[in-house]
Amino acid sequence: MFGVPGDDPENHGLTVWEPMSFYVWKDSQNIDAVKAFLEFYFSEDASSRSMA
């Protein structure tokens, strides 16, 4: 995270890069479906499709 410089000290911004994260509620009724989705999402097949 770092400040964005500017000419007006009263009007400035902030740049924040958050790491990509996936969160799943531990008591979800669909844990197996979530695991299957994430397994596909990070697979070579999904990566090649998104890069096409």
PDB file of N, CA and C in Angstrom:
ATOM      1  N   MET A   1       0.850  -1.151   0.000  1.00  0.00           N
ATOM      2  CA  MET A   1       0.000   0.000   0.000  1.00  0.00           C
ATOM      3  C   MET A   1       0.904   1.225   0.000  1.00  0.00           C
ATOM      4  N   PHE A   2       0.508   2.211  -0.762  1.00  0.00           N
ATOM      5  CA  PHE A   2       1.286   3.445  -0.777  1.00  0.00           C
ATOM      6  C   PHE A   2       0.394   4.611  -1.165  1.00  0.00           C
ATOM      7  N   GLY A   3       0.796   5.768  -0.726  1.00  0.00           N
ATOM      8  CA  GLY A   3       0.057   6.985  -1.046  1.00  0.00           C
ATOM      9  C   GLY A   3       0.255   7.399  -2.484  1.00  0.00           C
ATOM     10  N   VAL A   4      -0.739   8.074  -3.035  1.00  0.00           N
ATOM     11  CA  VAL A   4      -0.653   8.594  -4.389  1.00  0.00           C
ATOM     12  C   VAL A   4      -0.346  10.084  -4.284  1.00  0.00           C
ATOM     13  N   PRO A   5       0.824  10.515  -4.766  1.00  0.00           N
ATOM     14  CA  PRO A   5       1.190  11.926  -4.639  1.00  0.00           C
ATOM     15  C   PRO A   5       0.306  12.825  -5.509  1.00  0.00           C
ATOM     16  N   GLY A   6       0.196  14.067  -5.104  1.00  0.00           N
ATOM     17  CA  GLY A   6      -0.576  15.031  -5.870  1.00  0.00           C
ATOM     18  C   GLY A   6      -0.181  16.445  -5.493  1.00  0.00           C
ATOM     19  N   ASP A   7      -0.795  17.419  -6.130  1.00  0.00           N
ATOM     20  CA  ASP A   7      -0.476  18.818  -5.880  1.00  0.00           C
ATOM     21  C   ASP A   7      -1.206  19.387  -4.666  1.00  0.00           C
ATOM     22  N   ASP A   8      -2.317  18.780  -4.276  1.00  0.00           N
ATOM     23  CA  ASP A   8      -3.127  19.286  -3.167  1.00  0.00           C
ATOM     24  C   ASP A   8      -3.006  18.341  -1.970  1.00  0.00           C
ATOM     25  N   PRO A   9      -2.377  18.791  -0.874  1.00  0.00           N
ATOM     26  CA  PRO A   9      -2.196  17.894   0.275  1.00  0.00           C
ATOM     27  C   PRO A   9      -3.512  17.515   0.964  1.00  0.00           C
ATOM     28  N   GLU A  10      -4.580  18.242   0.701  1.00  0.00           N
ATOM     29  CA  GLU A  10      -5.881  17.920   1.288  1.00  0.00           C
ATOM     30  C   GLU A  10      -6.677  16.924   0.439  1.00  0.00           C
ATOM     31  N   ASN A  11      -6.228  16.700  -0.782  1.00  0.00           N
ATOM     32  CA  ASN A  11      -6.925  15.794  -1.688  1.00  0.00           C
ATOM     33  C   ASN A  11      -5.917  14.789  -2.233  1.00  0.00           C
ATOM     34  N   HIS A  12      -5.809  13.667  -1.576  1.00  0.00           N
ATOM     35  CA  HIS A  12      -4.829  12.661  -1.987  1.00  0.00           C
ATOM     36  C   HIS A  12      -5.484  11.288  -1.993  1.00  0.00           C
ATOM     37  N   GLY A  13      -4.831  10.330  -2.552  1.00  0.00           N
ATOM     38  CA  GLY A  13      -5.398   8.990  -2.659  1.00  0.00           C
ATOM     39  C   GLY A  13      -4.486   7.945  -2.058  1.00  0.00           C
ATOM     40  N   LEU A  14      -4.926   6.721  -2.176  1.00  0.00           N
ATOM     41  CA  LEU A  14      -4.186   5.594  -1.639  1.00  0.00           C
ATOM     42  C   LEU A  14      -4.349   4.433  -2.603  1.00  0.00           C
ATOM     43  N   THR A  15      -3.273   3.764  -2.910  1.00  0.00           N
ATOM     44  CA  THR A  15      -3.329   2.583  -3.755  1.00  0.00           C
ATOM     45  C   THR A  15      -3.100   1.365  -2.881  1.00  0.00           C
ATOM     46  N   VAL A  16      -4.007   0.412  -2.999  1.00  0.00           N
ATOM     47  CA  VAL A  16      -3.913  -0.817  -2.206  1.00  0.00           C
ATOM     48  C   VAL A  16      -4.078  -2.001  -3.144  1.00  0.00           C
ATOM     49  N   TRP A  17      -3.146  -2.924  -3.101  1.00  0.00           N
ATOM     50  CA  TRP A  17      -3.256  -4.172  -3.848  1.00  0.00           C
ATOM     51  C   TRP A  17      -3.481  -5.287  -2.846  1.00  0.00           C
ATOM     52  N   GLU A  18      -4.643  -5.881  -2.931  1.00  0.00           N
ATOM     53  CA  GLU A  18      -4.961  -6.999  -2.058  1.00  0.00           C
ATOM     54  C   GLU A  18      -4.623  -8.297  -2.782  1.00  0.00           C
ATOM     55  N   PRO A  19      -4.080  -9.256  -2.086  1.00  0.00           N
ATOM     56  CA  PRO A  19      -3.825 -10.544  -2.737  1.00  0.00           C
ATOM     57  C   PRO A  19      -5.146 -11.235  -3.074  1.00  0.00           C
ATOM     58  N   MET A  20      -5.142 -12.000  -4.155  1.00  0.00           N
ATOM     59  CA  MET A  20      -6.344 -12.727  -4.527  1.00  0.00           C
ATOM     60  C   MET A  20      -6.606 -13.800  -3.482  1.00  0.00           C
ATOM     61  N   SER A  21      -7.820 -13.844  -2.998  1.00  0.00           N
ATOM     62  CA  SER A  21      -8.177 -14.809  -1.960  1.00  0.00           C
ATOM     63  C   SER A  21      -9.573 -15.360  -2.208  1.00  0.00           C
ATOM     64  N   PHE A  22      -9.762 -16.559  -1.772  1.00  0.00           N
ATOM     65  CA  PHE A  22     -11.080 -17.189  -1.797  1.00  0.00           C
ATOM     66  C   PHE A  22     -11.374 -17.651  -0.380  1.00  0.00           C
ATOM     67  N   TYR A  23     -12.546 -17.319   0.087  1.00  0.00           N
ATOM     68  CA  TYR A  23     -12.946 -17.690   1.430  1.00  0.00           C
ATOM     69  C   TYR A  23     -14.205 -18.538   1.361  1.00  0.00           C
ATOM     70  N   VAL A  24     -14.241 -19.567   2.162  1.00  0.00           N
ATOM     71  CA  VAL A  24     -15.398 -20.455   2.212  1.00  0.00           C
ATOM     72  C   VAL A  24     -15.768 -20.642   3.672  1.00  0.00           C
ATOM     73  N   TRP A  25     -17.029 -20.478   3.960  1.00  0.00           N
ATOM     74  CA  TRP A  25     -17.506 -20.673   5.318  1.00  0.00           C
ATOM     75  C   TRP A  25     -17.328 -22.130   5.698  1.00  0.00           C
ATOM     76  N   LYS A  26     -16.687 -22.369   6.826  1.00  0.00           N
ATOM     77  CA  LYS A  26     -16.357 -23.739   7.228  1.00  0.00           C
ATOM     78  C   LYS A  26     -17.588 -24.602   7.466  1.00  0.00           C
ATOM     79  N   ASP A  27     -18.732 -23.996   7.767  1.00  0.00           N
ATOM     80  CA  ASP A  27     -19.949 -24.754   8.012  1.00  0.00           C
ATOM     81  C   ASP A  27     -20.908 -24.730   6.817  1.00  0.00           C
ATOM     82  N   SER A  28     -20.393 -24.415   5.641  1.00  0.00           N
ATOM     83  CA  SER A  28     -21.225 -24.387   4.444  1.00  0.00           C
ATOM     84  C   SER A  28     -21.821 -25.767   4.177  1.00  0.00           C
ATOM     85  N   GLN A  29     -23.026 -25.777   3.637  1.00  0.00           N
ATOM     86  CA  GLN A  29     -23.667 -27.045   3.274  1.00  0.00           C
ATOM     87  C   GLN A  29     -23.133 -27.569   1.946  1.00  0.00           C
ATOM     88  N   ASN A  30     -22.321 -26.776   1.264  1.00  0.00           N
ATOM     89  CA  ASN A  30     -21.860 -27.139  -0.080  1.00  0.00           C
ATOM     90  C   ASN A  30     -20.339 -27.226  -0.178  1.00  0.00           C
ATOM     91  N   ILE A  31     -19.699 -27.702   0.858  1.00  0.00           N
ATOM     92  CA  ILE A  31     -18.234 -27.764   0.876  1.00  0.00           C
ATOM     93  C   ILE A  31     -17.699 -28.564  -0.309  1.00  0.00           C
ATOM     94  N   ASP A  32     -18.294 -29.697  -0.607  1.00  0.00           N
ATOM     95  CA  ASP A  32     -17.799 -30.518  -1.728  1.00  0.00           C
ATOM     96  C   ASP A  32     -17.935 -29.786  -3.057  1.00  0.00           C
ATOM     97  N   ALA A  33     -19.031 -29.054  -3.251  1.00  0.00           N
ATOM     98  CA  ALA A  33     -19.215 -28.285  -4.487  1.00  0.00           C
ATOM     99  C   ALA A  33     -18.198 -27.162  -4.572  1.00  0.00           C
ATOM    100  N   VAL A  34     -17.928 -26.501  -3.466  1.00  0.00           N
ATOM    101  CA  VAL A  34     -16.935 -25.422  -3.442  1.00  0.00           C
ATOM    102  C   VAL A  34     -15.556 -25.972  -3.762  1.00  0.00           C
ATOM    103  N   LYS A  35     -15.208 -27.091  -3.166  1.00  0.00           N
ATOM    104  CA  LYS A  35     -13.899 -27.707  -3.438  1.00  0.00           C
ATOM    105  C   LYS A  35     -13.774 -28.085  -4.911  1.00  0.00           C
ATOM    106  N   ALA A  36     -14.842 -28.624  -5.487  1.00  0.00           N
ATOM    107  CA  ALA A  36     -14.813 -28.984  -6.911  1.00  0.00           C
ATOM    108  C   ALA A  36     -14.656 -27.751  -7.781  1.00  0.00           C
ATOM    109  N   PHE A  37     -15.373 -26.679  -7.439  1.00  0.00           N
ATOM    110  CA  PHE A  37     -15.254 -25.443  -8.202  1.00  0.00           C
ATOM    111  C   PHE A  37     -13.831 -24.888  -8.131  1.00  0.00           C
ATOM    112  N   LEU A  38     -13.275 -24.806  -6.921  1.00  0.00           N
ATOM    113  CA  LEU A  38     -11.924 -24.257  -6.776  1.00  0.00           C
ATOM    114  C   LEU A  38     -10.888 -25.139  -7.455  1.00  0.00           C
ATOM    115  N   GLU A  39     -11.083 -26.439  -7.409  1.00  0.00           N
ATOM    116  CA  GLU A  39     -10.163 -27.345  -8.100  1.00  0.00           C
ATOM    117  C   GLU A  39     -10.171 -27.061  -9.600  1.00  0.00           C
ATOM    118  N   PHE A  40     -11.373 -26.863 -10.162  1.00  0.00           N
ATOM    119  CA  PHE A  40     -11.454 -26.514 -11.580  1.00  0.00           C
ATOM    120  C   PHE A  40     -10.880 -25.127 -11.839  1.00  0.00           C
ATOM    121  N   TYR A  41     -11.238 -24.157 -11.006  1.00  0.00           N
ATOM    122  CA  TYR A  41     -10.822 -22.761 -11.210  1.00  0.00           C
ATOM    123  C   TYR A  41      -9.308 -22.643 -11.323  1.00  0.00           C
ATOM    124  N   PHE A  42      -8.588 -23.418 -10.537  1.00  0.00           N
ATOM    125  CA  PHE A  42      -7.128 -23.348 -10.545  1.00  0.00           C
ATOM    126  C   PHE A  42      -6.487 -24.414 -11.425  1.00  0.00           C
ATOM    127  N   SER A  43      -7.278 -25.105 -12.213  1.00  0.00           N
ATOM    128  CA  SER A  43      -6.735 -26.160 -13.068  1.00  0.00           C
ATOM    129  C   SER A  43      -6.094 -25.584 -14.334  1.00  0.00           C
ATOM    130  N   GLU A  44      -5.299 -26.404 -14.973  1.00  0.00           N
ATOM    131  CA  GLU A  44      -4.676 -26.023 -16.254  1.00  0.00           C
ATOM    132  C   GLU A  44      -5.755 -25.757 -17.307  1.00  0.00           C
ATOM    133  N   ASP A  45      -6.821 -26.545 -17.286  1.00  0.00           N
ATOM    134  CA  ASP A  45      -7.901 -26.396 -18.258  1.00  0.00           C
ATOM    135  C   ASP A  45      -8.547 -25.007 -18.136  1.00  0.00           C
ATOM    136  N   ALA A  46      -8.870 -24.603 -16.925  1.00  0.00           N
ATOM    137  CA  ALA A  46      -9.492 -23.285 -16.726  1.00  0.00           C
ATOM    138  C   ALA A  46      -8.530 -22.170 -17.094  1.00  0.00           C
ATOM    139  N   SER A  47      -7.262 -22.335 -16.746  1.00  0.00           N
ATOM    140  CA  SER A  47      -6.274 -21.306 -17.084  1.00  0.00           C
ATOM    141  C   SER A  47      -6.142 -21.142 -18.588  1.00  0.00           C
ATOM    142  N   SER A  48      -6.096 -22.250 -19.308  1.00  0.00           N
ATOM    143  CA  SER A  48      -5.953 -22.163 -20.765  1.00  0.00           C
ATOM    144  C   SER A  48      -7.211 -21.557 -21.405  1.00  0.00           C
ATOM    145  N   ARG A  49      -8.380 -21.817 -20.837  1.00  0.00           N
ATOM    146  CA  ARG A  49      -9.607 -21.225 -21.372  1.00  0.00           C
ATOM    147  C   ARG A  49      -9.652 -19.721 -21.163  1.00  0.00           C
ATOM    148  N   SER A  50      -9.184 -19.271 -20.001  1.00  0.00           N
ATOM    149  CA  SER A  50      -9.234 -17.835 -19.722  1.00  0.00           C
ATOM    150  C   SER A  50      -8.174 -17.055 -20.515  1.00  0.00           C
ATOM    151  N   MET A  51      -7.148 -17.741 -20.964  1.00  0.00           N
ATOM    152  CA  MET A  51      -6.088 -17.088 -21.724  1.00  0.00           C
ATOM    153  C   MET A  51      -6.343 -17.129 -23.218  1.00  0.00           C
ATOM    154  N   ALA A  52      -7.382 -17.859 -23.639  1.00  0.00           N
ATOM    155  CA  ALA A  52      -7.675 -18.021 -25.066  1.00  0.00           C
ATOM    156  C   ALA A  52      -8.227 -16.749 -25.664  1.00  0.00           C
TER     157      ALA A  52
END
